[in-house]
Amino acid sequence: MLKKISPLFFLLFSIPIFSQNTSGEIGVLVDNDLFSSTVNDQYYTNGIEIFYRFLNQNENQNLNKKITEFKFGQYIYNPHTVEARKITKHDRPFAGYLFLEAGMNRYYQSESVLKTNLQIGVVGPSSQAEEFQKLFHKAFGYKPVEGWNFQIQDAFALQGNMLYSKKLFPTQPAEKMDFNVQAEVNFGTVLNGISFGPLTRIALWEKLVPMYDSNLHGASLNSDKEKYREQSEFYFYVNPSVNYQIYDATIQGSMFGGNNPVTYDLVPIRFNGEAGFKYRKNHWNFHYVFVYRGKEVDNSRNEGYFYGSIGASYLLY
């Protein structure tokens, strides 16, 4: 599966880079529990996304802009300890998810945002999660990883996602703080669930830029080159949410069956939250986000967890 995905990955990234004459953005995002704690190493333990975005032509007067996005990513999951030689240590399965994503982001004049995307990939050994985690631990002198022989087995991934954010009180000035509500739906062979909650930005430097120009939802690109020099942003944001999860292949295995040595039922209703800082100046975007996820797995040992997310991108104009 990896050999099939890799050529497609390079094709997806090379086509927009060499065929577009408009503004583009290339970046990387890394999630890891080490970014929030030096001792916390459990559950969603590492993730990486490499992405490229470009600005589309827009003739819809209700839209401020449309942005196409391509992404390559890998997520890694393990139990509460990586020293899990015995199956009794597994309070959630080892699992990996490798994917390619293509999406369209729409930013409305009302400062609402609609993001839709489609992923194709694989959950299981073909994701190369075991190899990556073992190499990472060996390279940086961390504990040897034991227990991947009990991981979730290969399952084809075809996954969709929709995110909608709506600004509250859009007619009121919001130079230092704004209020939004946000909903997200996942559907497919890996994740099925919905999340909903409020989102607030608080300016830390100058004033907030409109949501259709903000890096919060990846809207930094602009057809007006002067705006790149005029606009900058530095803000804190917070986004608590309630998540209702119906299905998760990294915990329950493939929905089409399979011989998985460790699977669990889900805790369907969870509280999640994230809070962090985002910065943009000239060609650069940076962020640091602290993320909390409520208990996901229905067993007595499993618990809520947290991790940090660090990202950087470069605007091409």
C-alpha atoms as a PDB file:
ATOM      1  CA  MET A   1       0.000   0.000   0.000  1.00  0.00           C
ATOM      2  CA  LEU A   2       2.820   2.439   0.868  1.00  0.00           C
ATOM      3  CA  LYS A   3       4.458   1.875  -2.539  1.00  0.00           C
ATOM      4  CA  LYS A   4       1.153   2.756  -4.209  1.00  0.00           C
ATOM      5  CA  ILE A   5       0.581   5.878  -2.108  1.00  0.00           C
ATOM      6  CA  SER A   6       4.069   7.399  -2.464  1.00  0.00           C
ATOM      7  CA  PRO A   7       3.976   8.111  -6.254  1.00  0.00           C
ATOM      8  CA  LEU A   8       0.488   9.576  -5.877  1.00  0.00           C
ATOM      9  CA  PHE A   9       1.738  11.800  -3.062  1.00  0.00           C
ATOM     10  CA  PHE A  10       4.470  13.292  -5.255  1.00  0.00           C
ATOM     11  CA  LEU A  11       2.047  13.679  -8.161  1.00  0.00           C
ATOM     12  CA  LEU A  12      -0.498  15.560  -6.033  1.00  0.00           C
ATOM     13  CA  PHE A  13       2.124  17.981  -4.771  1.00  0.00           C
ATOM     14  CA  SER A  14       3.972  18.533  -8.054  1.00  0.00           C
ATOM     15  CA  ILE A  15       0.885  19.338 -10.139  1.00  0.00           C
ATOM     16  CA  PRO A  16      -0.254  22.412  -8.172  1.00  0.00           C
ATOM     17  CA  ILE A  17       3.281  23.664  -7.517  1.00  0.00           C
ATOM     18  CA  PHE A  18       4.241  23.766 -11.164  1.00  0.00           C
ATOM     19  CA  SER A  19       0.874  24.556 -12.743  1.00  0.00           C
ATOM     20  CA  GLN A  20      -0.399  27.462 -10.648  1.00  0.00           C
ATOM     21  CA  ASN A  21       0.512  31.085 -11.176  1.00  0.00           C
ATOM     22  CA  THR A  22      -1.380  32.236  -8.100  1.00  0.00           C
ATOM     23  CA  SER A  23      -0.452  32.439  -4.418  1.00  0.00           C
ATOM     24  CA  GLY A  24       0.533  29.221  -2.656  1.00  0.00           C
ATOM     25  CA  GLU A  25       1.451  27.995   0.812  1.00  0.00           C
ATOM     26  CA  ILE A  26       3.553  25.011   1.851  1.00  0.00           C
ATOM     27  CA  GLY A  27       3.896  23.809   5.418  1.00  0.00           C
ATOM     28  CA  VAL A  28       4.246  21.089   8.006  1.00  0.00           C
ATOM     29  CA  LEU A  29       2.379  20.254  11.212  1.00  0.00           C
ATOM     30  CA  VAL A  30       3.696  17.901  13.927  1.00  0.00           C
ATOM     31  CA  ASP A  31       1.660  16.549  16.850  1.00  0.00           C
ATOM     32  CA  ASN A  32       3.385  14.841  19.773  1.00  0.00           C
ATOM     33  CA  ASP A  33       2.651  14.289  23.440  1.00  0.00           C
ATOM     34  CA  LEU A  34       6.242  15.317  24.206  1.00  0.00           C
ATOM     35  CA  PHE A  35       5.261  18.877  23.198  1.00  0.00           C
ATOM     36  CA  SER A  36       2.997  19.021  26.247  1.00  0.00           C
ATOM     37  CA  SER A  37       4.793  16.738  28.739  1.00  0.00           C
ATOM     38  CA  THR A  38       8.164  15.008  28.989  1.00  0.00           C
ATOM     39  CA  VAL A  39       6.602  11.988  30.710  1.00  0.00           C
ATOM     40  CA  ASN A  40       3.311  11.675  28.829  1.00  0.00           C
ATOM     41  CA  ASP A  41       3.579   9.126  25.989  1.00  0.00           C
ATOM     42  CA  GLN A  42       0.243   7.445  25.344  1.00  0.00           C
ATOM     43  CA  TYR A  43      -2.714   7.004  22.986  1.00  0.00           C
ATOM     44  CA  TYR A  44      -2.368   9.507  20.089  1.00  0.00           C
ATOM     45  CA  THR A  45       1.393   9.753  20.399  1.00  0.00           C
ATOM     46  CA  ASN A  46       2.580  11.300  17.119  1.00  0.00           C
ATOM     47  CA  GLY A  47       1.205  12.793  13.940  1.00  0.00           C
ATOM     48  CA  ILE A  48       2.704  14.584  10.953  1.00  0.00           C
ATOM     49  CA  GLU A  49       1.039  16.439   8.095  1.00  0.00           C
ATOM     50  CA  ILE A  50       2.740  18.025   5.076  1.00  0.00           C
ATOM     51  CA  PHE A  51       0.474  20.276   3.035  1.00  0.00           C
ATOM     52  CA  TYR A  52       0.286  22.568   0.032  1.00  0.00           C
ATOM     53  CA  ARG A  53      -2.483  25.117  -0.567  1.00  0.00           C
ATOM     54  CA  PHE A  54      -3.225  27.404  -3.486  1.00  0.00           C
ATOM     55  CA  LEU A  55      -5.736  30.137  -4.195  1.00  0.00           C
ATOM     56  CA  ASN A  56      -8.521  29.443  -6.702  1.00  0.00           C
ATOM     57  CA  GLN A  57     -10.319  31.778  -9.076  1.00  0.00           C
ATOM     58  CA  ASN A  58     -13.530  33.007  -7.447  1.00  0.00           C
ATOM     59  CA  GLU A  59     -16.594  34.475  -9.175  1.00  0.00           C
ATOM     60  CA  ASN A  60     -19.064  33.965  -6.319  1.00  0.00           C
ATOM     61  CA  GLN A  61     -19.896  37.329  -4.726  1.00  0.00           C
ATOM     62  CA  ASN A  62     -20.790  35.644  -1.415  1.00  0.00           C
ATOM     63  CA  LEU A  63     -17.301  34.120  -1.183  1.00  0.00           C
ATOM     64  CA  ASN A  64     -14.216  36.073  -0.263  1.00  0.00           C
ATOM     65  CA  LYS A  65     -11.920  33.276  -1.487  1.00  0.00           C
ATOM     66  CA  LYS A  66     -11.587  29.574  -2.267  1.00  0.00           C
ATOM     67  CA  ILE A  67      -8.440  27.589  -1.447  1.00  0.00           C
ATOM     68  CA  THR A  68      -7.535  24.082  -2.602  1.00  0.00           C
ATOM     69  CA  GLU A  69      -5.428  22.001  -0.229  1.00  0.00           C
ATOM     70  CA  PHE A  70      -3.426  18.785  -0.646  1.00  0.00           C
ATOM     71  CA  LYS A  71      -2.050  16.925   2.343  1.00  0.00           C
ATOM     72  CA  PHE A  72       0.053  13.863   3.188  1.00  0.00           C
ATOM     73  CA  GLY A  73      -0.125  12.571   6.757  1.00  0.00           C
ATOM     74  CA  GLN A  74       0.587   9.794   9.220  1.00  0.00           C
ATOM     75  CA  TYR A  75      -0.961   9.300  12.693  1.00  0.00           C
ATOM     76  CA  ILE A  76       0.402   6.882  15.328  1.00  0.00           C
ATOM     77  CA  TYR A  77      -1.492   5.440  18.314  1.00  0.00           C
ATOM     78  CA  ASN A  78      -0.372   3.189  21.178  1.00  0.00           C
ATOM     79  CA  PRO A  79      -1.514   2.066  24.675  1.00  0.00           C
ATOM     80  CA  HIS A  80      -0.694   3.935  27.892  1.00  0.00           C
ATOM     81  CA  THR A  81       2.852   2.549  27.679  1.00  0.00           C
ATOM     82  CA  VAL A  82       5.145   1.571  24.793  1.00  0.00           C
ATOM     83  CA  GLU A  83       6.535  -1.251  26.978  1.00  0.00           C
ATOM     84  CA  ALA A  84       3.538  -3.439  26.143  1.00  0.00           C
ATOM     85  CA  ARG A  85       4.996  -6.873  25.447  1.00  0.00           C
ATOM     86  CA  LYS A  86       2.033  -8.462  27.243  1.00  0.00           C
ATOM     87  CA  ILE A  87      -1.435  -8.084  25.779  1.00  0.00           C
ATOM     88  CA  THR A  88      -2.792  -7.152  29.224  1.00  0.00           C
ATOM     89  CA  LYS A  89      -0.928  -3.809  28.898  1.00  0.00           C
ATOM     90  CA  HIS A  90      -3.032  -2.778  25.906  1.00  0.00           C
ATOM     91  CA  ASP A  91      -5.767  -0.438  27.125  1.00  0.00           C
ATOM     92  CA  ARG A  92      -6.095   0.753  23.511  1.00  0.00           C
ATOM     93  CA  PRO A  93      -4.612  -0.900  20.387  1.00  0.00           C
ATOM     94  CA  PHE A  94      -1.400   0.035  18.652  1.00  0.00           C
ATOM     95  CA  ALA A  95      -2.454   1.488  15.299  1.00  0.00           C
ATOM     96  CA  GLY A  96      -1.197   3.617  12.421  1.00  0.00           C
ATOM     97  CA  TYR A  97      -3.012   5.642   9.769  1.00  0.00           C
ATOM     98  CA  LEU A  98      -1.326   6.822   6.554  1.00  0.00           C
ATOM     99  CA  PHE A  99      -3.280   8.983   4.113  1.00  0.00           C
ATOM    100  CA  LEU A 100      -3.442  11.421   1.233  1.00  0.00           C
ATOM    101  CA  GLU A 101      -5.991  14.222   1.325  1.00  0.00           C
ATOM    102  CA  ALA A 102      -7.501  16.670  -1.160  1.00  0.00           C
ATOM    103  CA  GLY A 103      -9.844  19.413  -0.008  1.00  0.00           C
ATOM    104  CA  MET A 104     -11.605  22.665  -0.845  1.00  0.00           C
ATOM    105  CA  ASN A 105     -11.877  25.494   1.689  1.00  0.00           C
ATOM    106  CA  ARG A 106     -14.495  28.225   1.217  1.00  0.00           C
ATOM    107  CA  TYR A 107     -14.303  31.511   3.115  1.00  0.00           C
ATOM    108  CA  TYR A 108     -17.453  33.636   3.009  1.00  0.00           C
ATOM    109  CA  GLN A 109     -17.821  37.425   3.187  1.00  0.00           C
ATOM    110  CA  SER A 110     -19.868  36.859   6.365  1.00  0.00           C
ATOM    111  CA  GLU A 111     -16.691  35.290   7.908  1.00  0.00           C
ATOM    112  CA  SER A 112     -18.223  31.815   7.899  1.00  0.00           C
ATOM    113  CA  VAL A 113     -15.916  28.982   6.803  1.00  0.00           C
ATOM    114  CA  LEU A 114     -16.750  25.697   5.075  1.00  0.00           C
ATOM    115  CA  LYS A 115     -13.991  23.103   4.638  1.00  0.00           C
ATOM    116  CA  THR A 116     -14.557  19.791   2.854  1.00  0.00           C
ATOM    117  CA  ASN A 117     -11.972  17.114   2.145  1.00  0.00           C
ATOM    118  CA  LEU A 118     -11.525  13.491   1.114  1.00  0.00           C
ATOM    119  CA  GLN A 119      -8.782  11.123   2.304  1.00  0.00           C
ATOM    120  CA  ILE A 120      -7.549   7.834   0.886  1.00  0.00           C
ATOM    121  CA  GLY A 121      -5.049   5.625   2.688  1.00  0.00           C
ATOM    122  CA  VAL A 122      -4.606   2.659   5.009  1.00  0.00           C
ATOM    123  CA  VAL A 123      -4.908   1.766   8.687  1.00  0.00           C
ATOM    124  CA  GLY A 124      -2.578  -1.009   9.859  1.00  0.00           C
ATOM    125  CA  PRO A 125       0.961  -2.317   9.255  1.00  0.00           C
ATOM    126  CA  SER A 126       1.091  -0.789   5.755  1.00  0.00           C
ATOM    127  CA  SER A 127       0.932   2.653   7.355  1.00  0.00           C
ATOM    128  CA  GLN A 128       4.594   2.165   8.438  1.00  0.00           C
ATOM    129  CA  ALA A 129       3.721   3.535  11.880  1.00  0.00           C
ATOM    130  CA  GLU A 130       5.601   0.768  13.696  1.00  0.00           C
ATOM    131  CA  GLU A 131       8.797   1.368  11.724  1.00  0.00           C
ATOM    132  CA  PHE A 132       8.629   5.136  12.194  1.00  0.00           C
ATOM    133  CA  GLN A 133       8.015   4.987  15.950  1.00  0.00           C
ATOM    134  CA  LYS A 134      10.772   2.447  16.575  1.00  0.00           C
ATOM    135  CA  LEU A 135      13.236   4.478  14.492  1.00  0.00           C
ATOM    136  CA  PHE A 136      12.270   7.681  16.329  1.00  0.00           C
ATOM    137  CA  HIS A 137      12.706   6.109  19.777  1.00  0.00           C
ATOM    138  CA  LYS A 138      16.055   4.588  18.829  1.00  0.00           C
ATOM    139  CA  ALA A 139      17.371   7.814  17.292  1.00  0.00           C
ATOM    140  CA  PHE A 140      16.539   9.921  20.372  1.00  0.00           C
ATOM    141  CA  GLY A 141      17.356   7.345  23.056  1.00  0.00           C
ATOM    142  CA  TYR A 142      13.793   6.724  24.247  1.00  0.00           C
ATOM    143  CA  LYS A 143      12.487   3.426  25.617  1.00  0.00           C
ATOM    144  CA  PRO A 144      12.316   0.535  23.112  1.00  0.00           C
ATOM    145  CA  VAL A 145       8.807   0.023  21.760  1.00  0.00           C
ATOM    146  CA  GLU A 146       7.207  -3.366  22.415  1.00  0.00           C
ATOM    147  CA  GLY A 147       3.742  -4.542  21.465  1.00  0.00           C
ATOM    148  CA  TRP A 148       3.261  -3.651  17.796  1.00  0.00           C
ATOM    149  CA  ASN A 149       2.707  -7.376  17.049  1.00  0.00           C
ATOM    150  CA  PHE A 150      -0.805  -6.813  18.505  1.00  0.00           C
ATOM    151  CA  GLN A 151      -1.606  -3.816  16.286  1.00  0.00           C
ATOM    152  CA  ILE A 152      -4.789  -3.194  14.277  1.00  0.00           C
ATOM    153  CA  GLN A 153      -4.480  -5.047  10.977  1.00  0.00           C
ATOM    154  CA  ASP A 154      -4.618  -3.528   7.479  1.00  0.00           C
ATOM    155  CA  ALA A 155      -7.856  -1.814   6.504  1.00  0.00           C
ATOM    156  CA  PHE A 156      -8.520   0.354   3.454  1.00  0.00           C
ATOM    157  CA  ALA A 157      -9.275   3.976   4.336  1.00  0.00           C
ATOM    158  CA  LEU A 158     -11.716   6.170   2.448  1.00  0.00           C
ATOM    159  CA  GLN A 159     -12.595   9.092   4.654  1.00  0.00           C
ATOM    160  CA  GLY A 160     -14.542  12.342   4.344  1.00  0.00           C
ATOM    161  CA  ASN A 161     -14.575  15.408   6.572  1.00  0.00           C
ATOM    162  CA  MET A 162     -16.632  18.605   6.744  1.00  0.00           C
ATOM    163  CA  LEU A 163     -15.994  21.581   9.037  1.00  0.00           C
ATOM    164  CA  TYR A 164     -18.272  24.616   9.307  1.00  0.00           C
ATOM    165  CA  SER A 165     -17.511  27.694  11.385  1.00  0.00           C
ATOM    166  CA  LYS A 166     -19.940  30.604  11.794  1.00  0.00           C
ATOM    167  CA  LYS A 167     -19.119  33.976  13.299  1.00  0.00           C
ATOM    168  CA  LEU A 168     -21.532  35.231  15.962  1.00  0.00           C
ATOM    169  CA  PHE A 169     -22.576  38.896  16.007  1.00  0.00           C
ATOM    170  CA  PRO A 170     -21.053  39.554  12.540  1.00  0.00           C
ATOM    171  CA  THR A 171     -22.280  43.166  12.447  1.00  0.00           C
ATOM    172  CA  GLN A 172     -20.468  44.085  15.679  1.00  0.00           C
ATOM    173  CA  PRO A 173     -16.836  45.316  15.622  1.00  0.00           C
ATOM    174  CA  ALA A 174     -14.447  42.558  16.710  1.00  0.00           C
ATOM    175  CA  GLU A 175     -10.971  44.061  16.713  1.00  0.00           C
ATOM    176  CA  LYS A 176      -9.727  42.375  19.903  1.00  0.00           C
ATOM    177  CA  MET A 177     -12.046  39.383  20.380  1.00  0.00           C
ATOM    178  CA  ASP A 178     -14.570  37.461  18.338  1.00  0.00           C
ATOM    179  CA  PHE A 179     -16.963  34.587  18.991  1.00  0.00           C
ATOM    180  CA  ASN A 180     -17.769  31.693  16.677  1.00  0.00           C
ATOM    181  CA  VAL A 181     -19.493  28.323  16.738  1.00  0.00           C
ATOM    182  CA  GLN A 182     -17.924  25.363  14.960  1.00  0.00           C
ATOM    183  CA  ALA A 183     -19.165  21.924  13.902  1.00  0.00           C
ATOM    184  CA  GLU A 184     -17.166  19.069  12.349  1.00  0.00           C
ATOM    185  CA  VAL A 185     -18.378  15.805  10.830  1.00  0.00           C
ATOM    186  CA  ASN A 186     -16.202  12.758   9.979  1.00  0.00           C
ATOM    187  CA  PHE A 187     -17.571   9.921   7.857  1.00  0.00           C
ATOM    188  CA  GLY A 188     -15.968   6.933   6.151  1.00  0.00           C
ATOM    189  CA  THR A 189     -14.159   3.672   6.869  1.00  0.00           C
ATOM    190  CA  VAL A 190     -11.874   5.104   9.604  1.00  0.00           C
ATOM    191  CA  LEU A 191     -13.838   7.623  11.671  1.00  0.00           C
ATOM    192  CA  ASN A 192     -17.546   8.373  12.033  1.00  0.00           C
ATOM    193  CA  GLY A 193     -18.539  11.113  14.436  1.00  0.00           C
ATOM    194  CA  ILE A 194     -19.554  14.710  15.000  1.00  0.00           C
ATOM    195  CA  SER A 195     -18.175  17.524  17.179  1.00  0.00           C
ATOM    196  CA  PHE A 196     -19.670  20.876  18.139  1.00  0.00           C
ATOM    197  CA  GLY A 197     -18.496  23.787  20.265  1.00  0.00           C
ATOM    198  CA  PRO A 198     -17.690  27.508  20.604  1.00  0.00           C
ATOM    199  CA  LEU A 199     -14.478  29.091  19.328  1.00  0.00           C
ATOM    200  CA  THR A 200     -12.990  32.397  20.473  1.00  0.00           C
ATOM    201  CA  ARG A 201     -10.024  34.415  19.189  1.00  0.00           C
ATOM    202  CA  ILE A 202      -8.324  37.021  21.407  1.00  0.00           C
ATOM    203  CA  ALA A 203      -5.870  39.440  19.757  1.00  0.00           C
ATOM    204  CA  LEU A 204      -2.459  39.722  21.417  1.00  0.00           C
ATOM    205  CA  TRP A 205      -0.937  42.115  18.897  1.00  0.00           C
ATOM    206  CA  GLU A 206      -2.712  44.880  16.968  1.00  0.00           C
ATOM    207  CA  LYS A 207      -6.203  43.658  15.985  1.00  0.00           C
ATOM    208  CA  LEU A 208      -7.823  40.529  14.621  1.00  0.00           C
ATOM    209  CA  VAL A 209      -7.941  40.128  10.867  1.00  0.00           C
ATOM    210  CA  PRO A 210     -11.232  38.893   9.357  1.00  0.00           C
ATOM    211  CA  MET A 211     -11.757  35.139   9.501  1.00  0.00           C
ATOM    212  CA  TYR A 212     -11.470  34.956   5.699  1.00  0.00           C
ATOM    213  CA  ASP A 213      -7.880  36.256   5.990  1.00  0.00           C
ATOM    214  CA  SER A 214      -6.883  34.500   9.226  1.00  0.00           C
ATOM    215  CA  ASN A 215      -4.520  31.551   9.512  1.00  0.00           C
ATOM    216  CA  LEU A 216      -6.900  29.920  12.016  1.00  0.00           C
ATOM    217  CA  HIS A 217      -8.525  27.944   9.200  1.00  0.00           C
ATOM    218  CA  GLY A 218      -5.697  28.319   6.664  1.00  0.00           C
ATOM    219  CA  ALA A 219      -6.922  31.497   4.941  1.00  0.00           C
ATOM    220  CA  SER A 220      -3.655  33.482   4.811  1.00  0.00           C
ATOM    221  CA  LEU A 221      -3.454  33.389   0.992  1.00  0.00           C
ATOM    222  CA  ASN A 222      -4.647  36.487  -0.842  1.00  0.00           C
ATOM    223  CA  SER A 223      -4.904  37.703  -4.429  1.00  0.00           C
ATOM    224  CA  ASP A 224      -4.047  41.222  -3.251  1.00  0.00           C
ATOM    225  CA  LYS A 225      -0.271  41.186  -2.747  1.00  0.00           C
ATOM    226  CA  GLU A 226      -0.367  44.398  -0.700  1.00  0.00           C
ATOM    227  CA  LYS A 227      -2.310  42.598   2.032  1.00  0.00           C
ATOM    228  CA  TYR A 228       0.656  40.319   2.709  1.00  0.00           C
ATOM    229  CA  ARG A 229       2.655  43.361   3.810  1.00  0.00           C
ATOM    230  CA  GLU A 230      -0.231  45.138   5.516  1.00  0.00           C
ATOM    231  CA  GLN A 231      -1.641  42.214   7.507  1.00  0.00           C
ATOM    232  CA  SER A 232      -0.114  40.397  10.434  1.00  0.00           C
ATOM    233  CA  GLU A 233      -1.701  38.519  13.309  1.00  0.00           C
ATOM    234  CA  PHE A 234      -0.852  37.144  16.721  1.00  0.00           C
ATOM    235  CA  TYR A 235      -3.700  35.797  18.817  1.00  0.00           C
ATOM    236  CA  PHE A 236      -4.750  33.243  21.396  1.00  0.00           C
ATOM    237  CA  TYR A 237      -7.716  31.004  20.685  1.00  0.00           C
ATOM    238  CA  VAL A 238      -9.741  28.460  22.629  1.00  0.00           C
ATOM    239  CA  ASN A 239     -12.122  25.811  21.264  1.00  0.00           C
ATOM    240  CA  PRO A 240     -13.871  23.440  23.719  1.00  0.00           C
ATOM    241  CA  SER A 241     -16.220  20.914  22.120  1.00  0.00           C
ATOM    242  CA  VAL A 242     -18.450  17.913  22.691  1.00  0.00           C
ATOM    243  CA  ASN A 243     -17.717  14.900  20.477  1.00  0.00           C
ATOM    244  CA  TYR A 244     -20.122  12.078  19.702  1.00  0.00           C
ATOM    245  CA  GLN A 245     -18.082   9.227  18.180  1.00  0.00           C
ATOM    246  CA  ILE A 246     -19.826   6.352  16.405  1.00  0.00           C
ATOM    247  CA  TYR A 247     -16.864   4.407  15.009  1.00  0.00           C
ATOM    248  CA  ASP A 248     -13.037   4.473  15.118  1.00  0.00           C
ATOM    249  CA  ALA A 249     -11.055   1.905  13.104  1.00  0.00           C
ATOM    250  CA  THR A 250      -7.863   2.576  15.098  1.00  0.00           C
ATOM    251  CA  ILE A 251      -9.685   1.244  18.194  1.00  0.00           C
ATOM    252  CA  GLN A 252     -12.304  -1.157  16.796  1.00  0.00           C
ATOM    253  CA  GLY A 253     -10.542  -2.455  13.682  1.00  0.00           C
ATOM    254  CA  SER A 254     -11.970  -2.544  10.176  1.00  0.00           C
ATOM    255  CA  MET A 255     -15.757  -2.236   9.869  1.00  0.00           C
ATOM    256  CA  PHE A 256     -15.526  -5.101   7.361  1.00  0.00           C
ATOM    257  CA  GLY A 257     -14.090  -7.527   9.911  1.00  0.00           C
ATOM    258  CA  GLY A 258     -10.600  -8.954  10.364  1.00  0.00           C
ATOM    259  CA  ASN A 259      -8.383 -10.799  12.811  1.00  0.00           C
ATOM    260  CA  ASN A 260      -7.425  -8.030  15.251  1.00  0.00           C
ATOM    261  CA  PRO A 261      -5.924  -9.334  18.535  1.00  0.00           C
ATOM    262  CA  VAL A 262      -6.882  -6.183  20.504  1.00  0.00           C
ATOM    263  CA  THR A 263     -10.047  -4.119  19.971  1.00  0.00           C
ATOM    264  CA  TYR A 264     -12.341  -2.194  22.297  1.00  0.00           C
ATOM    265  CA  ASP A 265     -15.735  -0.527  22.337  1.00  0.00           C
ATOM    266  CA  LEU A 266     -15.837   3.257  22.308  1.00  0.00           C
ATOM    267  CA  VAL A 267     -16.848   5.795  24.890  1.00  0.00           C
ATOM    268  CA  PRO A 268     -19.235   7.598  22.529  1.00  0.00           C
ATOM    269  CA  ILE A 269     -19.653  11.000  24.222  1.00  0.00           C
ATOM    270  CA  ARG A 270     -16.487  12.927  25.101  1.00  0.00           C
ATOM    271  CA  PHE A 271     -15.307  16.392  26.031  1.00  0.00           C
ATOM    272  CA  ASN A 272     -12.448  17.718  23.887  1.00  0.00           C
ATOM    273  CA  GLY A 273     -10.624  21.008  23.970  1.00  0.00           C
ATOM    274  CA  GLU A 274      -7.802  22.921  22.370  1.00  0.00           C
ATOM    275  CA  ALA A 275      -6.157  26.239  23.083  1.00  0.00           C
ATOM    276  CA  GLY A 276      -3.135  27.841  21.501  1.00  0.00           C
ATOM    277  CA  PHE A 277      -1.276  30.683  19.865  1.00  0.00           C
ATOM    278  CA  LYS A 278      -1.087  31.491  16.156  1.00  0.00           C
ATOM    279  CA  TYR A 279       1.207  34.027  14.490  1.00  0.00           C
ATOM    280  CA  ARG A 280       1.623  35.399  10.958  1.00  0.00           C
ATOM    281  CA  LYS A 281       4.061  37.968   9.580  1.00  0.00           C
ATOM    282  CA  ASN A 282       5.133  38.454   5.957  1.00  0.00           C
ATOM    283  CA  HIS A 283       5.827  34.987   4.466  1.00  0.00           C
ATOM    284  CA  TRP A 284       5.566  32.971   7.700  1.00  0.00           C
ATOM    285  CA  ASN A 285       2.849  31.280   9.750  1.00  0.00           C
ATOM    286  CA  PHE A 286       3.572  29.582  13.101  1.00  0.00           C
ATOM    287  CA  HIS A 287       1.449  27.966  15.784  1.00  0.00           C
ATOM    288  CA  TYR A 288       1.561  26.100  19.075  1.00  0.00           C
ATOM    289  CA  VAL A 289      -1.623  24.390  20.308  1.00  0.00           C
ATOM    290  CA  PHE A 290      -2.357  22.377  23.453  1.00  0.00           C
ATOM    291  CA  VAL A 291      -4.970  19.664  22.810  1.00  0.00           C
ATOM    292  CA  TYR A 292      -7.001  17.617  25.299  1.00  0.00           C
ATOM    293  CA  ARG A 293      -9.022  14.542  24.314  1.00  0.00           C
ATOM    294  CA  GLY A 294     -11.529  12.912  26.667  1.00  0.00           C
ATOM    295  CA  LYS A 295     -11.531   9.205  27.438  1.00  0.00           C
ATOM    296  CA  GLU A 296     -12.079   7.283  24.186  1.00  0.00           C
ATOM    297  CA  VAL A 297     -11.911   3.582  25.061  1.00  0.00           C
ATOM    298  CA  ASP A 298     -14.368   1.670  27.220  1.00  0.00           C
ATOM    299  CA  ASN A 299     -12.092   0.018  29.780  1.00  0.00           C
ATOM    300  CA  SER A 300     -11.111   0.858  33.351  1.00  0.00           C
ATOM    301  CA  ARG A 301      -7.440   1.717  32.619  1.00  0.00           C
ATOM    302  CA  ASN A 302      -7.974   4.116  29.727  1.00  0.00           C
ATOM    303  CA  GLU A 303      -8.221   7.842  30.497  1.00  0.00           C
ATOM    304  CA  GLY A 304      -8.265  11.261  28.869  1.00  0.00           C
ATOM    305  CA  TYR A 305      -4.992  12.510  27.410  1.00  0.00           C
ATOM    306  CA  PHE A 306      -3.293  15.570  25.955  1.00  0.00           C
ATOM    307  CA  TYR A 307      -0.633  16.483  23.395  1.00  0.00           C
ATOM    308  CA  GLY A 308       0.945  19.500  21.732  1.00  0.00           C
ATOM    309  CA  SER A 309       0.818  20.586  18.109  1.00  0.00           C
ATOM    310  CA  ILE A 310       3.525  22.689  16.423  1.00  0.00           C
ATOM    311  CA  GLY A 311       3.239  23.968  12.866  1.00  0.00           C
ATOM    312  CA  ALA A 312       4.965  26.263  10.374  1.00  0.00           C
ATOM    313  CA  SER A 313       4.212  27.286   6.819  1.00  0.00           C
ATOM    314  CA  TYR A 314       5.688  29.572   4.148  1.00  0.00           C
ATOM    315  CA  LEU A 315       3.599  31.747   1.853  1.00  0.00           C
ATOM    316  CA  LEU A 316       4.700  31.754  -1.797  1.00  0.00           C
ATOM    317  CA  TYR A 317       3.979  35.079  -3.485  1.00  0.00           C
END
